Amino acid sequence: MSVNRTELVAAVAERSSLTKSQADAALSALQDVLVESVSKGEAVKITGLLSVERVERAARTGRNPQTGAEIQIPAGYGVKISAGSALKKAVSNK
């Protein structure tokens, strides 16, 4: 089971006394700031909930699964997401 964006917007609107359109705008703004910050290499930390940061991936050798030939995979970036203490506690109590 999962919560989609529409359900999340409705829940945020209900708990915060915002309209659904205001809650959707706030969620969109959060997404924009998160993406912009992480793409610049800045870590985003929401205390108790999560932290998101860009991490470097080293160049490495891989294999083509169809032919078995070695290929060079270039260096790049990935995203690391870590759960905060409140989120970990909520999950461990269920």
Protein backbone atom coordinates (compact mmCIF):
# COMPACT_ATOMS: atom_id res chain seq x y z
CA MET A 1 0.00 0.00 0.00
CA SER A 2 1.25 3.49 -0.79
CA VAL A 3 0.11 7.10 -0.65
CA ASN A 4 0.01 8.90 -3.99
CA ARG A 5 0.40 12.65 -4.51
CA THR A 6 -3.36 13.34 -4.50
CA GLU A 7 -3.82 11.51 -1.20
CA LEU A 8 -0.79 13.25 0.30
CA VAL A 9 -2.09 16.68 -0.74
CA ALA A 10 -5.50 15.89 0.78
CA ALA A 11 -3.92 14.75 4.07
CA VAL A 12 -1.67 17.82 4.29
CA ALA A 13 -4.62 20.10 3.52
CA GLU A 14 -6.72 18.47 6.23
CA ARG A 15 -4.02 18.63 8.92
CA SER A 16 -2.84 22.15 8.16
CA SER A 17 -6.11 23.98 7.49
CA LEU A 18 -4.97 24.73 3.95
CA THR A 19 -7.00 24.24 0.82
CA LYS A 20 -6.02 21.38 -1.43
CA SER A 21 -4.64 23.81 -4.01
CA GLN A 22 -2.52 25.54 -1.34
CA ALA A 23 -1.23 22.21 -0.07
CA ASP A 24 -0.43 21.13 -3.63
CA ALA A 25 1.44 24.41 -4.21
CA ALA A 26 3.42 23.86 -0.98
CA LEU A 27 4.31 20.31 -2.02
CA SER A 28 5.38 21.53 -5.46
CA ALA A 29 7.53 24.24 -3.86
CA LEU A 30 9.15 21.65 -1.56
CA GLN A 31 9.89 19.45 -4.57
CA ASP A 32 11.38 22.38 -6.51
CA VAL A 33 13.64 23.45 -3.64
CA LEU A 34 14.71 19.87 -2.94
CA VAL A 35 15.60 19.16 -6.58
CA GLU A 36 17.36 22.49 -7.05
CA SER A 37 19.41 22.16 -3.86
CA VAL A 38 20.47 18.55 -4.42
CA SER A 39 21.36 19.22 -8.06
CA LYS A 40 23.75 21.97 -6.84
CA GLY A 41 25.37 19.52 -4.43
CA GLU A 42 23.73 20.90 -1.29
CA ALA A 43 22.40 18.45 1.29
CA VAL A 44 18.79 18.92 2.41
CA LYS A 45 17.98 17.91 5.97
CA ILE A 46 14.51 17.88 7.48
CA THR A 47 15.25 17.10 11.12
CA GLY A 48 13.56 13.93 12.31
CA LEU A 49 12.20 13.07 8.87
CA LEU A 50 14.97 12.60 6.31
CA SER A 51 18.11 13.89 4.71
CA VAL A 52 18.88 13.94 1.00
CA GLU A 53 22.29 14.48 -0.56
CA ARG A 54 24.10 14.07 -3.85
CA VAL A 55 26.91 11.50 -3.82
CA GLU A 56 29.66 10.88 -6.33
CA ARG A 57 29.94 7.51 -8.04
CA ALA A 58 33.41 6.49 -9.19
CA ALA A 59 34.05 5.22 -12.69
CA ARG A 60 33.98 1.44 -12.79
CA THR A 61 34.09 -1.57 -15.05
CA GLY A 62 30.86 -3.39 -15.75
CA ARG A 63 29.66 -6.13 -18.06
CA ASN A 64 27.21 -6.09 -20.91
CA PRO A 65 24.66 -8.71 -19.79
CA GLN A 66 23.90 -9.80 -23.37
CA THR A 67 27.46 -10.32 -24.58
CA GLY A 68 29.46 -10.55 -21.37
CA ALA A 69 31.90 -7.96 -22.74
CA GLU A 70 33.49 -5.56 -20.25
CA ILE A 71 32.41 -1.94 -20.53
CA GLN A 72 33.59 1.20 -18.80
CA ILE A 73 30.91 2.95 -16.77
CA PRO A 74 31.79 6.63 -16.37
CA ALA A 75 31.83 8.50 -13.05
CA GLY A 76 28.59 10.22 -12.16
CA TYR A 77 26.28 11.25 -9.37
CA GLY A 78 23.60 9.49 -7.37
CA VAL A 79 21.18 10.47 -4.61
CA LYS A 80 21.41 9.22 -1.03
CA ILE A 81 18.29 9.41 1.12
CA SER A 82 18.54 8.66 4.84
CA ALA A 83 15.60 8.27 7.21
CA GLY A 84 15.52 10.59 10.22
CA SER A 85 14.99 9.54 13.82
CA ALA A 86 11.23 10.19 13.91
CA LEU A 87 10.70 8.19 10.73
CA LYS A 88 12.87 5.31 11.98
CA LYS A 89 11.00 5.26 15.29
CA ALA A 90 7.60 5.26 13.57
CA VAL A 91 8.61 2.34 11.37
CA SER A 92 10.15 0.27 14.18
CA ASN A 93 7.01 0.59 16.36
CA LYS A 94 4.72 -0.95 13.74
